[in-house]
Amino acid sequence: MREREVSVEEAGRWASREGIGFLEVSALDGTNVEEAFLRCARQILTKVELGNFPQFALDKANVL
């Protein structure tokens, strides 16, 4: 297996400095892939609900 280009610690520090989340994932074995997708989806939904994307405003009566 190939060595990492960037360590997990270094990536975590960079994400912290930039004010963004960090989650290590692996496409090889599927580790955290679903969790990464769900985190992104939740963040997008929250922004839409808060009105940060008015062009995508939700009709809350139709949201499951």
Protein backbone atom coordinates (compact mmCIF):
# COMPACT_ATOMS: atom_id res chain seq x y z
CA MET A 1 0.00 0.00 0.00
CA ARG A 2 1.12 3.56 -0.75
CA GLU A 3 2.35 5.78 2.04
CA ARG A 4 0.31 8.81 2.99
CA GLU A 5 1.16 12.12 1.39
CA VAL A 6 -0.20 13.98 4.42
CA SER A 7 -0.51 12.62 7.95
CA VAL A 8 -3.90 12.51 9.67
CA GLU A 9 -2.55 14.88 12.32
CA GLU A 10 -1.33 17.41 9.75
CA ALA A 11 -4.62 17.28 7.87
CA GLY A 12 -6.55 17.76 11.12
CA ARG A 13 -4.44 20.78 12.08
CA TRP A 14 -4.92 22.33 8.64
CA ALA A 15 -8.70 21.81 8.79
CA SER A 16 -8.81 23.34 12.26
CA ARG A 17 -6.86 26.41 11.11
CA GLU A 18 -9.22 26.82 8.15
CA GLY A 19 -12.30 26.42 10.33
CA ILE A 20 -13.59 23.34 8.54
CA GLY A 21 -14.41 19.83 9.67
CA PHE A 22 -12.11 16.90 9.12
CA LEU A 23 -12.95 13.22 8.87
CA GLU A 24 -10.57 10.60 7.56
CA VAL A 25 -12.24 8.37 4.99
CA SER A 26 -11.15 5.41 2.93
CA ALA A 27 -12.56 4.61 -0.48
CA LEU A 28 -10.52 1.41 -0.36
CA ASP A 29 -12.43 -0.17 2.53
CA GLY A 30 -15.36 2.26 2.90
CA THR A 31 -14.36 3.59 6.31
CA ASN A 32 -16.36 6.73 7.16
CA VAL A 33 -17.63 7.23 3.60
CA GLU A 34 -21.28 7.16 4.67
CA GLU A 35 -20.53 9.36 7.70
CA ALA A 36 -18.81 11.94 5.48
CA PHE A 37 -21.80 12.02 3.14
CA LEU A 38 -24.26 12.37 6.03
CA ARG A 39 -22.28 15.19 7.63
CA CYS A 40 -22.22 17.12 4.36
CA ALA A 41 -25.92 16.53 3.77
CA ARG A 42 -26.80 17.69 7.30
CA GLN A 43 -24.71 20.85 6.90
CA ILE A 44 -26.37 21.68 3.59
CA LEU A 45 -29.86 21.06 5.00
CA THR A 46 -29.11 23.27 8.01
CA LYS A 47 -27.96 26.11 5.75
CA VAL A 48 -31.07 25.78 3.60
CA GLU A 49 -33.32 25.76 6.69
CA LEU A 50 -31.57 28.88 8.02
CA GLY A 51 -32.23 30.65 4.72
CA ASN A 52 -28.63 30.76 3.56
CA PHE A 53 -29.77 29.39 0.18
CA PRO A 54 -33.16 31.05 -0.43
CA GLN A 55 -33.31 29.75 -3.99
CA PHE A 56 -33.58 26.25 -2.44
CA ALA A 57 -36.07 27.12 0.29
CA LEU A 58 -37.88 24.06 1.54
CA ASP A 59 -41.58 23.65 1.98
CA LYS A 60 -41.29 22.13 5.47
CA ALA A 61 -44.66 20.42 5.07
CA ASN A 62 -43.10 18.22 2.37
CA VAL A 63 -39.85 17.35 4.16
CA LEU A 64 -39.75 13.91 5.74
